Amino acid sequence: MADFNGELTLIKIESGTTDKIGNPITVESSAIVLCGVKSVTRAEFWGSAQTNMKPEIVFEVYPYDYDGETIVEFAGVRYSVIRSFRNNHERMELVCERKVRDG
């Protein structure tokens, strides 16, 4: 188990409104939560490589903090959540890969 001594920003992207000409407008909302940081296991790394994913880092958070966010930010770096799962009733793991900047 990782110690929860880091801060992770959970980012939710929401859309639903459009501008004057019909382009979708996306809005980011975020929440900062405590997290633990773990390394990606060898099995996770090689298993994900078969599906063209590149897991780099695993964050451990409390399940009540996580609401299906697909983007997280840690130490100024954005990551996409590849997979999330509860490893027990008190902790949840988010397997992440570095997010490529849009545009």
PDB file of N, CA and C in Angstrom:
ATOM      1  N   MET A   1       0.827  -1.181   0.000  1.00  0.00           N
ATOM      2  CA  MET A   1       0.000   0.000   0.000  1.00  0.00           C
ATOM      3  C   MET A   1       0.874   1.247   0.000  1.00  0.00           C
ATOM      4  N   ALA A   2       0.491   2.187  -0.820  1.00  0.00           N
ATOM      5  CA  ALA A   2       1.232   3.443  -0.912  1.00  0.00           C
ATOM      6  C   ALA A   2       0.738   4.413   0.158  1.00  0.00           C
ATOM      7  N   ASP A   3       1.655   5.238   0.656  1.00  0.00           N
ATOM      8  CA  ASP A   3       1.261   6.303   1.575  1.00  0.00           C
ATOM      9  C   ASP A   3       0.569   7.405   0.783  1.00  0.00           C
ATOM     10  N   PHE A   4      -0.430   8.002   1.377  1.00  0.00           N
ATOM     11  CA  PHE A   4      -1.151   9.085   0.717  1.00  0.00           C
ATOM     12  C   PHE A   4      -0.472  10.407   1.038  1.00  0.00           C
ATOM     13  N   ASN A   5       0.670  10.660   0.418  1.00  0.00           N
ATOM     14  CA  ASN A   5       1.407  11.881   0.697  1.00  0.00           C
ATOM     15  C   ASN A   5       1.540  12.784  -0.525  1.00  0.00           C
ATOM     16  N   GLY A   6       0.745  12.515  -1.557  1.00  0.00           N
ATOM     17  CA  GLY A   6       0.744  13.354  -2.754  1.00  0.00           C
ATOM     18  C   GLY A   6      -0.620  13.971  -2.978  1.00  0.00           C
ATOM     19  N   GLU A   7      -0.654  14.959  -3.866  1.00  0.00           N
ATOM     20  CA  GLU A   7      -1.922  15.577  -4.250  1.00  0.00           C
ATOM     21  C   GLU A   7      -2.166  15.319  -5.731  1.00  0.00           C
ATOM     22  N   LEU A   8      -3.336  14.803  -6.033  1.00  0.00           N
ATOM     23  CA  LEU A   8      -3.730  14.473  -7.397  1.00  0.00           C
ATOM     24  C   LEU A   8      -4.941  15.321  -7.760  1.00  0.00           C
ATOM     25  N   THR A   9      -4.914  15.913  -8.929  1.00  0.00           N
ATOM     26  CA  THR A   9      -6.065  16.677  -9.400  1.00  0.00           C
ATOM     27  C   THR A   9      -6.879  15.780 -10.332  1.00  0.00           C
ATOM     28  N   LEU A  10      -8.116  15.513  -9.950  1.00  0.00           N
ATOM     29  CA  LEU A  10      -9.040  14.745 -10.780  1.00  0.00           C
ATOM     30  C   LEU A  10      -9.782  15.733 -11.664  1.00  0.00           C
ATOM     31  N   ILE A  11      -9.765  15.484 -12.976  1.00  0.00           N
ATOM     32  CA  ILE A  11     -10.349  16.437 -13.928  1.00  0.00           C
ATOM     33  C   ILE A  11     -11.494  15.771 -14.681  1.00  0.00           C
ATOM     34  N   LYS A  12     -12.640  16.403 -14.613  1.00  0.00           N
ATOM     35  CA  LYS A  12     -13.821  15.912 -15.319  1.00  0.00           C
ATOM     36  C   LYS A  12     -14.106  16.854 -16.475  1.00  0.00           C
ATOM     37  N   ILE A  13     -14.272  16.304 -17.665  1.00  0.00           N
ATOM     38  CA  ILE A  13     -14.600  17.078 -18.857  1.00  0.00           C
ATOM     39  C   ILE A  13     -16.093  16.896 -19.128  1.00  0.00           C
ATOM     40  N   GLU A  14     -16.787  18.004 -19.153  1.00  0.00           N
ATOM     41  CA  GLU A  14     -18.225  17.945 -19.401  1.00  0.00           C
ATOM     42  C   GLU A  14     -18.575  18.798 -20.603  1.00  0.00           C
ATOM     43  N   SER A  15     -19.484  18.298 -21.405  1.00  0.00           N
ATOM     44  CA  SER A  15     -19.992  19.080 -22.519  1.00  0.00           C
ATOM     45  C   SER A  15     -21.510  18.947 -22.511  1.00  0.00           C
ATOM     46  N   GLY A  16     -22.133  19.693 -23.305  1.00  0.00           N
ATOM     47  CA  GLY A  16     -23.583  19.655 -23.321  1.00  0.00           C
ATOM     48  C   GLY A  16     -24.163  20.932 -23.882  1.00  0.00           C
ATOM     49  N   THR A  17     -23.363  21.973 -23.871  1.00  0.00           N
ATOM     50  CA  THR A  17     -23.820  23.220 -24.461  1.00  0.00           C
ATOM     51  C   THR A  17     -23.059  23.465 -25.750  1.00  0.00           C
ATOM     52  N   THR A  18     -23.594  24.350 -26.551  1.00  0.00           N
ATOM     53  CA  THR A  18     -22.946  24.691 -27.824  1.00  0.00           C
ATOM     54  C   THR A  18     -22.862  26.205 -27.946  1.00  0.00           C
ATOM     55  N   ASP A  19     -21.947  26.647 -28.795  1.00  0.00           N
ATOM     56  CA  ASP A  19     -21.833  28.083 -29.042  1.00  0.00           C
ATOM     57  C   ASP A  19     -22.848  28.512 -30.102  1.00  0.00           C
ATOM     58  N   LYS A  20     -22.743  29.765 -30.571  1.00  0.00           N
ATOM     59  CA  LYS A  20     -23.722  30.322 -31.508  1.00  0.00           C
ATOM     60  C   LYS A  20     -23.822  29.539 -32.813  1.00  0.00           C
ATOM     61  N   ILE A  21     -22.702  28.927 -33.238  1.00  0.00           N
ATOM     62  CA  ILE A  21     -22.735  28.220 -34.526  1.00  0.00           C
ATOM     63  C   ILE A  21     -22.791  26.699 -34.373  1.00  0.00           C
ATOM     64  N   GLY A  22     -23.030  26.232 -33.146  1.00  0.00           N
ATOM     65  CA  GLY A  22     -23.253  24.808 -32.937  1.00  0.00           C
ATOM     66  C   GLY A  22     -22.046  23.993 -32.513  1.00  0.00           C
ATOM     67  N   ASN A  23     -20.900  24.635 -32.298  1.00  0.00           N
ATOM     68  CA  ASN A  23     -19.725  23.901 -31.829  1.00  0.00           C
ATOM     69  C   ASN A  23     -19.901  23.533 -30.358  1.00  0.00           C
ATOM     70  N   PRO A  24     -19.546  22.301 -29.992  1.00  0.00           N
ATOM     71  CA  PRO A  24     -19.693  21.914 -28.583  1.00  0.00           C
ATOM     72  C   PRO A  24     -18.716  22.686 -27.699  1.00  0.00           C
ATOM     73  N   ILE A  25     -19.197  23.073 -26.538  1.00  0.00           N
ATOM     74  CA  ILE A  25     -18.369  23.770 -25.558  1.00  0.00           C
ATOM     75  C   ILE A  25     -18.100  22.797 -24.420  1.00  0.00           C
ATOM     76  N   THR A  26     -16.815  22.574 -24.136  1.00  0.00           N
ATOM     77  CA  THR A  26     -16.462  21.684 -23.035  1.00  0.00           C
ATOM     78  C   THR A  26     -16.012  22.506 -21.839  1.00  0.00           C
ATOM     79  N   VAL A  27     -16.349  22.009 -20.674  1.00  0.00           N
ATOM     80  CA  VAL A  27     -16.009  22.680 -19.433  1.00  0.00           C
ATOM     81  C   VAL A  27     -15.269  21.687 -18.550  1.00  0.00           C
ATOM     82  N   GLU A  28     -14.137  22.122 -18.004  1.00  0.00           N
ATOM     83  CA  GLU A  28     -13.377  21.290 -17.081  1.00  0.00           C
ATOM     84  C   GLU A  28     -13.740  21.660 -15.656  1.00  0.00           C
ATOM     85  N   SER A  29     -13.958  20.633 -14.845  1.00  0.00           N
ATOM     86  CA  SER A  29     -14.086  20.857 -13.408  1.00  0.00           C
ATOM     87  C   SER A  29     -13.048  19.961 -12.743  1.00  0.00           C
ATOM     88  N   SER A  30     -12.515  20.400 -11.630  1.00  0.00           N
ATOM     89  CA  SER A  30     -11.448  19.621 -11.011  1.00  0.00           C
ATOM     90  C   SER A  30     -11.601  19.574  -9.504  1.00  0.00           C
ATOM     91  N   ALA A  31     -10.983  18.567  -8.924  1.00  0.00           N
ATOM     92  CA  ALA A  31     -10.948  18.406  -7.475  1.00  0.00           C
ATOM     93  C   ALA A  31      -9.575  17.870  -7.098  1.00  0.00           C
ATOM     94  N   ILE A  32      -8.998  18.427  -6.054  1.00  0.00           N
ATOM     95  CA  ILE A  32      -7.696  17.958  -5.579  1.00  0.00           C
ATOM     96  C   ILE A  32      -7.938  16.975  -4.434  1.00  0.00           C
ATOM     97  N   VAL A  33      -7.318  15.792  -4.549  1.00  0.00           N
ATOM     98  CA  VAL A  33      -7.464  14.746  -3.539  1.00  0.00           C
ATOM     99  C   VAL A  33      -6.083  14.236  -3.138  1.00  0.00           C
ATOM    100  N   LEU A  34      -6.014  13.595  -1.994  1.00  0.00           N
ATOM    101  CA  LEU A  34      -4.775  12.961  -1.573  1.00  0.00           C
ATOM    102  C   LEU A  34      -4.600  11.652  -2.328  1.00  0.00           C
ATOM    103  N   CYS A  35      -3.343  11.301  -2.605  1.00  0.00           N
ATOM    104  CA  CYS A  35      -3.099  10.070  -3.347  1.00  0.00           C
ATOM    105  C   CYS A  35      -1.791   9.429  -2.917  1.00  0.00           C
ATOM    106  N   GLY A  36      -1.666   8.173  -3.250  1.00  0.00           N
ATOM    107  CA  GLY A  36      -0.413   7.451  -3.155  1.00  0.00           C
ATOM    108  C   GLY A  36       0.065   7.186  -4.565  1.00  0.00           C
ATOM    109  N   VAL A  37       1.369   7.053  -4.749  1.00  0.00           N
ATOM    110  CA  VAL A  37       1.936   6.820  -6.072  1.00  0.00           C
ATOM    111  C   VAL A  37       2.643   5.474  -6.061  1.00  0.00           C
ATOM    112  N   LYS A  38       2.356   4.662  -7.077  1.00  0.00           N
ATOM    113  CA  LYS A  38       2.968   3.344  -7.192  1.00  0.00           C
ATOM    114  C   LYS A  38       3.528   3.167  -8.599  1.00  0.00           C
ATOM    115  N   SER A  39       4.397   2.219  -8.734  1.00  0.00           N
ATOM    116  CA  SER A  39       4.936   1.879 -10.045  1.00  0.00           C
ATOM    117  C   SER A  39       3.991   0.935 -10.768  1.00  0.00           C
ATOM    118  N   VAL A  40       4.056   0.965 -12.082  1.00  0.00           N
ATOM    119  CA  VAL A  40       3.288   0.034 -12.897  1.00  0.00           C
ATOM    120  C   VAL A  40       3.976  -1.332 -12.800  1.00  0.00           C
ATOM    121  N   THR A  41       3.198  -2.375 -12.610  1.00  0.00           N
ATOM    122  CA  THR A  41       3.792  -3.712 -12.542  1.00  0.00           C
ATOM    123  C   THR A  41       4.221  -4.160 -13.933  1.00  0.00           C
ATOM    124  N   ARG A  42       5.130  -5.086 -13.967  1.00  0.00           N
ATOM    125  CA  ARG A  42       5.612  -5.615 -15.241  1.00  0.00           C
ATOM    126  C   ARG A  42       4.457  -6.243 -16.040  1.00  0.00           C
ATOM    127  N   ALA A  43       3.607  -6.989 -15.347  1.00  0.00           N
ATOM    128  CA  ALA A  43       2.471  -7.636 -16.015  1.00  0.00           C
ATOM    129  C   ALA A  43       1.517  -6.598 -16.605  1.00  0.00           C
ATOM    130  N   GLU A  44       1.249  -5.537 -15.856  1.00  0.00           N
ATOM    131  CA  GLU A  44       0.367  -4.469 -16.340  1.00  0.00           C
ATOM    132  C   GLU A  44       0.985  -3.789 -17.561  1.00  0.00           C
ATOM    133  N   PHE A  45       2.284  -3.521 -17.503  1.00  0.00           N
ATOM    134  CA  PHE A  45       2.964  -2.855 -18.604  1.00  0.00           C
ATOM    135  C   PHE A  45       2.888  -3.689 -19.877  1.00  0.00           C
ATOM    136  N   TRP A  46       3.266  -4.954 -19.804  1.00  0.00           N
ATOM    137  CA  TRP A  46       3.283  -5.796 -21.008  1.00  0.00           C
ATOM    138  C   TRP A  46       1.879  -6.143 -21.483  1.00  0.00           C
ATOM    139  N   GLY A  47       0.944  -6.302 -20.565  1.00  0.00           N
ATOM    140  CA  GLY A  47      -0.440  -6.562 -20.963  1.00  0.00           C
ATOM    141  C   GLY A  47      -1.047  -5.391 -21.706  1.00  0.00           C
ATOM    142  N   SER A  48      -0.758  -4.183 -21.247  1.00  0.00           N
ATOM    143  CA  SER A  48      -1.286  -2.986 -21.899  1.00  0.00           C
ATOM    144  C   SER A  48      -0.605  -2.713 -23.234  1.00  0.00           C
ATOM    145  N   ALA A  49       0.649  -3.107 -23.355  1.00  0.00           N
ATOM    146  CA  ALA A  49       1.381  -2.889 -24.605  1.00  0.00           C
ATOM    147  C   ALA A  49       0.712  -3.615 -25.764  1.00  0.00           C
ATOM    148  N   GLN A  50       0.057  -4.728 -25.490  1.00  0.00           N
ATOM    149  CA  GLN A  50      -0.636  -5.480 -26.534  1.00  0.00           C
ATOM    150  C   GLN A  50      -1.830  -4.714 -27.088  1.00  0.00           C
ATOM    151  N   THR A  51      -2.354  -3.776 -26.314  1.00  0.00           N
ATOM    152  CA  THR A  51      -3.492  -2.971 -26.770  1.00  0.00           C
ATOM    153  C   THR A  51      -3.071  -1.536 -27.086  1.00  0.00           C
ATOM    154  N   ASN A  52      -1.771  -1.338 -27.283  1.00  0.00           N
ATOM    155  CA  ASN A  52      -1.204  -0.049 -27.689  1.00  0.00           C
ATOM    156  C   ASN A  52      -1.336   1.032 -26.618  1.00  0.00           C
ATOM    157  N   MET A  53      -1.397   0.636 -25.360  1.00  0.00           N
ATOM    158  CA  MET A  53      -1.413   1.591 -24.261  1.00  0.00           C
ATOM    159  C   MET A  53      -0.046   1.575 -23.587  1.00  0.00           C
ATOM    160  N   LYS A  54       0.298   2.686 -22.945  1.00  0.00           N
ATOM    161  CA  LYS A  54       1.615   2.794 -22.310  1.00  0.00           C
ATOM    162  C   LYS A  54       1.459   3.266 -20.867  1.00  0.00           C
ATOM    163  N   PRO A  55       1.072   2.370 -19.964  1.00  0.00           N
ATOM    164  CA  PRO A  55       0.917   2.795 -18.576  1.00  0.00           C
ATOM    165  C   PRO A  55       2.245   3.241 -17.987  1.00  0.00           C
ATOM    166  N   GLU A  56       2.221   4.378 -17.290  1.00  0.00           N
ATOM    167  CA  GLU A  56       3.447   4.936 -16.714  1.00  0.00           C
ATOM    168  C   GLU A  56       3.425   4.990 -15.197  1.00  0.00           C
ATOM    169  N   ILE A  57       2.232   5.154 -14.645  1.00  0.00           N
ATOM    170  CA  ILE A  57       2.141   5.416 -13.216  1.00  0.00           C
ATOM    171  C   ILE A  57       0.797   4.928 -12.689  1.00  0.00           C
ATOM    172  N   VAL A  58       0.769   4.569 -11.416  1.00  0.00           N
ATOM    173  CA  VAL A  58      -0.464   4.128 -10.769  1.00  0.00           C
ATOM    174  C   VAL A  58      -0.695   5.026  -9.561  1.00  0.00           C
ATOM    175  N   PHE A  59      -1.888   5.594  -9.479  1.00  0.00           N
ATOM    176  CA  PHE A  59      -2.258   6.415  -8.339  1.00  0.00           C
ATOM    177  C   PHE A  59      -3.261   5.638  -7.498  1.00  0.00           C
ATOM    178  N   GLU A  60      -3.102   5.726  -6.204  1.00  0.00           N
ATOM    179  CA  GLU A  60      -4.028   5.092  -5.286  1.00  0.00           C
ATOM    180  C   GLU A  60      -4.819   6.198  -4.606  1.00  0.00           C
ATOM    181  N   VAL A  61      -6.138   6.127  -4.690  1.00  0.00           N
ATOM    182  CA  VAL A  61      -7.014   7.143  -4.112  1.00  0.00           C
ATOM    183  C   VAL A  61      -8.111   6.464  -3.302  1.00  0.00           C
ATOM    184  N   TYR A  62      -8.831   7.263  -2.537  1.00  0.00           N
ATOM    185  CA  TYR A  62      -9.990   6.733  -1.816  1.00  0.00           C
ATOM    186  C   TYR A  62     -11.164   6.636  -2.797  1.00  0.00           C
ATOM    187  N   PRO A  63     -11.911   5.535  -2.756  1.00  0.00           N
ATOM    188  CA  PRO A  63     -13.022   5.360  -3.700  1.00  0.00           C
ATOM    189  C   PRO A  63     -14.057   6.474  -3.661  1.00  0.00           C
ATOM    190  N   TYR A  64     -14.299   7.045  -2.502  1.00  0.00           N
ATOM    191  CA  TYR A  64     -15.312   8.105  -2.417  1.00  0.00           C
ATOM    192  C   TYR A  64     -14.846   9.415  -3.060  1.00  0.00           C
ATOM    193  N   ASP A  65     -13.536   9.539  -3.366  1.00  0.00           N
ATOM    194  CA  ASP A  65     -13.027  10.724  -4.048  1.00  0.00           C
ATOM    195  C   ASP A  65     -13.147  10.623  -5.567  1.00  0.00           C
ATOM    196  N   TYR A  66     -13.191   9.399  -6.087  1.00  0.00           N
ATOM    197  CA  TYR A  66     -13.138   9.181  -7.534  1.00  0.00           C
ATOM    198  C   TYR A  66     -14.534   9.012  -8.106  1.00  0.00           C
ATOM    199  N   ASP A  67     -14.835   9.771  -9.168  1.00  0.00           N
ATOM    200  CA  ASP A  67     -16.167   9.736  -9.774  1.00  0.00           C
ATOM    201  C   ASP A  67     -16.078   9.507 -11.282  1.00  0.00           C
ATOM    202  N   GLY A  68     -15.186   8.623 -11.701  1.00  0.00           N
ATOM    203  CA  GLY A  68     -15.092   8.283 -13.114  1.00  0.00           C
ATOM    204  C   GLY A  68     -14.321   9.268 -13.971  1.00  0.00           C
ATOM    205  N   GLU A  69     -13.550  10.159 -13.359  1.00  0.00           N
ATOM    206  CA  GLU A  69     -12.770  11.116 -14.136  1.00  0.00           C
ATOM    207  C   GLU A  69     -11.802  10.366 -15.056  1.00  0.00           C
ATOM    208  N   THR A  70     -11.602  10.904 -16.262  1.00  0.00           N
ATOM    209  CA  THR A  70     -10.735  10.243 -17.240  1.00  0.00           C
ATOM    210  C   THR A  70      -9.383  10.921 -17.385  1.00  0.00           C
ATOM    211  N   ILE A  71      -9.220  12.089 -16.749  1.00  0.00           N
ATOM    212  CA  ILE A  71      -7.951  12.815 -16.804  1.00  0.00           C
ATOM    213  C   ILE A  71      -7.555  13.175 -15.381  1.00  0.00           C
ATOM    214  N   VAL A  72      -6.267  13.028 -15.087  1.00  0.00           N
ATOM    215  CA  VAL A  72      -5.738  13.443 -13.796  1.00  0.00           C
ATOM    216  C   VAL A  72      -4.467  14.253 -14.031  1.00  0.00           C
ATOM    217  N   GLU A  73      -4.088  15.049 -13.039  1.00  0.00           N
ATOM    218  CA  GLU A  73      -2.850  15.822 -13.136  1.00  0.00           C
ATOM    219  C   GLU A  73      -2.059  15.629 -11.852  1.00  0.00           C
ATOM    220  N   PHE A  74      -0.776  15.320 -12.020  1.00  0.00           N
ATOM    221  CA  PHE A  74       0.108  15.114 -10.878  1.00  0.00           C
ATOM    222  C   PHE A  74       1.445  15.786 -11.172  1.00  0.00           C
ATOM    223  N   ALA A  75       1.890  16.637 -10.269  1.00  0.00           N
ATOM    224  CA  ALA A  75       3.168  17.346 -10.409  1.00  0.00           C
ATOM    225  C   ALA A  75       3.274  18.075 -11.748  1.00  0.00           C
ATOM    226  N   GLY A  76       2.160  18.673 -12.189  1.00  0.00           N
ATOM    227  CA  GLY A  76       2.158  19.459 -13.408  1.00  0.00           C
ATOM    228  C   GLY A  76       2.053  18.663 -14.696  1.00  0.00           C
ATOM    229  N   VAL A  77       1.887  17.345 -14.595  1.00  0.00           N
ATOM    230  CA  VAL A  77       1.794  16.483 -15.779  1.00  0.00           C
ATOM    231  C   VAL A  77       0.395  15.882 -15.840  1.00  0.00           C
ATOM    232  N   ARG A  78      -0.217  15.953 -17.018  1.00  0.00           N
ATOM    233  CA  ARG A  78      -1.543  15.356 -17.203  1.00  0.00           C
ATOM    234  C   ARG A  78      -1.424  13.917 -17.681  1.00  0.00           C
ATOM    235  N   TYR A  79      -2.318  13.090 -17.145  1.00  0.00           N
ATOM    236  CA  TYR A  79      -2.366  11.679 -17.494  1.00  0.00           C
ATOM    237  C   TYR A  79      -3.798  11.296 -17.847  1.00  0.00           C
ATOM    238  N   SER A  80      -3.932  10.311 -18.732  1.00  0.00           N
ATOM    239  CA  SER A  80      -5.233   9.708 -19.025  1.00  0.00           C
ATOM    240  C   SER A  80      -5.373   8.461 -18.165  1.00  0.00           C
ATOM    241  N   VAL A  81      -6.549   8.243 -17.634  1.00  0.00           N
ATOM    242  CA  VAL A  81      -6.804   7.042 -16.842  1.00  0.00           C
ATOM    243  C   VAL A  81      -7.105   5.901 -17.805  1.00  0.00           C
ATOM    244  N   ILE A  82      -6.250   4.882 -17.807  1.00  0.00           N
ATOM    245  CA  ILE A  82      -6.433   3.716 -18.669  1.00  0.00           C
ATOM    246  C   ILE A  82      -7.419   2.750 -18.031  1.00  0.00           C
ATOM    247  N   ARG A  83      -7.249   2.559 -16.733  1.00  0.00           N
ATOM    248  CA  ARG A  83      -8.048   1.559 -16.033  1.00  0.00           C
ATOM    249  C   ARG A  83      -8.171   1.974 -14.578  1.00  0.00           C
ATOM    250  N   SER A  84      -9.327   1.738 -14.013  1.00  0.00           N
ATOM    251  CA  SER A  84      -9.522   1.995 -12.582  1.00  0.00           C
ATOM    252  C   SER A  84     -10.155   0.756 -11.964  1.00  0.00           C
ATOM    253  N   PHE A  85      -9.730   0.459 -10.744  1.00  0.00           N
ATOM    254  CA  PHE A  85     -10.322  -0.674 -10.055  1.00  0.00           C
ATOM    255  C   PHE A  85     -10.118  -0.538  -8.550  1.00  0.00           C
ATOM    256  N   ARG A  86     -11.037  -1.126  -7.815  1.00  0.00           N
ATOM    257  CA  ARG A  86     -10.932  -1.141  -6.356  1.00  0.00           C
ATOM    258  C   ARG A  86     -10.131  -2.364  -5.955  1.00  0.00           C
ATOM    259  N   ASN A  87      -9.067  -2.151  -5.202  1.00  0.00           N
ATOM    260  CA  ASN A  87      -8.299  -3.297  -4.747  1.00  0.00           C
ATOM    261  C   ASN A  87      -8.734  -3.745  -3.357  1.00  0.00           C
ATOM    262  N   ASN A  88      -9.507  -2.939  -2.677  1.00  0.00           N
ATOM    263  CA  ASN A  88     -10.199  -3.324  -1.443  1.00  0.00           C
ATOM    264  C   ASN A  88     -11.258  -2.260  -1.162  1.00  0.00           C
ATOM    265  N   HIS A  89     -11.935  -2.365  -0.038  1.00  0.00           N
ATOM    266  CA  HIS A  89     -13.025  -1.417   0.219  1.00  0.00           C
ATOM    267  C   HIS A  89     -12.537  -0.021   0.601  1.00  0.00           C
ATOM    268  N   GLU A  90     -11.225   0.131   0.870  1.00  0.00           N
ATOM    269  CA  GLU A  90     -10.708   1.431   1.289  1.00  0.00           C
ATOM    270  C   GLU A  90      -9.891   2.152   0.225  1.00  0.00           C
ATOM    271  N   ARG A  91      -9.448   1.445  -0.793  1.00  0.00           N
ATOM    272  CA  ARG A  91      -8.548   2.067  -1.775  1.00  0.00           C
ATOM    273  C   ARG A  91      -8.904   1.667  -3.196  1.00  0.00           C
ATOM    274  N   MET A  92      -8.565   2.569  -4.115  1.00  0.00           N
ATOM    275  CA  MET A  92      -8.822   2.357  -5.532  1.00  0.00           C
ATOM    276  C   MET A  92      -7.558   2.719  -6.297  1.00  0.00           C
ATOM    277  N   GLU A  93      -7.252   1.978  -7.332  1.00  0.00           N
ATOM    278  CA  GLU A  93      -6.079   2.264  -8.142  1.00  0.00           C
ATOM    279  C   GLU A  93      -6.489   2.812  -9.499  1.00  0.00           C
ATOM    280  N   LEU A  94      -5.748   3.830  -9.947  1.00  0.00           N
ATOM    281  CA  LEU A  94      -5.942   4.423 -11.267  1.00  0.00           C
ATOM    282  C   LEU A  94      -4.659   4.198 -12.045  1.00  0.00           C
ATOM    283  N   VAL A  95      -4.722   3.359 -13.068  1.00  0.00           N
ATOM    284  CA  VAL A  95      -3.556   3.108 -13.935  1.00  0.00           C
ATOM    285  C   VAL A  95      -3.593   4.148 -15.030  1.00  0.00           C
ATOM    286  N   CYS A  96      -2.499   4.895 -15.193  1.00  0.00           N
ATOM    287  CA  CYS A  96      -2.510   6.059 -16.083  1.00  0.00           C
ATOM    288  C   CYS A  96      -1.352   6.067 -17.068  1.00  0.00           C
ATOM    289  N   GLU A  97      -1.594   6.729 -18.210  1.00  0.00           N
ATOM    290  CA  GLU A  97      -0.537   6.989 -19.184  1.00  0.00           C
ATOM    291  C   GLU A  97      -0.466   8.493 -19.415  1.00  0.00           C
ATOM    292  N   ARG A  98       0.703   8.957 -19.802  1.00  0.00           N
ATOM    293  CA  ARG A  98       0.894  10.388 -20.044  1.00  0.00           C
ATOM    294  C   ARG A  98      -0.035  10.844 -21.163  1.00  0.00           C
ATOM    295  N   LYS A  99      -0.722  11.936 -20.928  1.00  0.00           N
ATOM    296  CA  LYS A  99      -1.675  12.463 -21.922  1.00  0.00           C
ATOM    297  C   LYS A  99      -0.929  13.320 -22.938  1.00  0.00           C
ATOM    298  N   VAL A 100      -1.196  13.065 -24.202  1.00  0.00           N
ATOM    299  CA  VAL A 100      -0.635  13.872 -25.270  1.00  0.00           C
ATOM    300  C   VAL A 100      -1.474  15.123 -25.379  1.00  0.00           C
ATOM    301  N   ARG A 101      -0.826  16.262 -25.474  1.00  0.00           N
ATOM    302  CA  ARG A 101      -1.552  17.541 -25.556  1.00  0.00           C
ATOM    303  C   ARG A 101      -2.451  17.576 -26.780  1.00  0.00           C
ATOM    304  N   ASP A 102      -3.636  18.120 -26.615  1.00  0.00           N
ATOM    305  CA  ASP A 102      -4.569  18.305 -27.725  1.00  0.00           C
ATOM    306  C   ASP A 102      -4.104  19.493 -28.554  1.00  0.00           C
ATOM    307  N   GLY A 103      -4.295  19.385 -29.894  1.00  0.00           N
ATOM    308  CA  GLY A 103      -3.972  20.513 -30.767  1.00  0.00           C
ATOM    309  C   GLY A 103      -2.565  20.512 -31.071  1.00  0.00           C
TER     310      GLY A 103
END
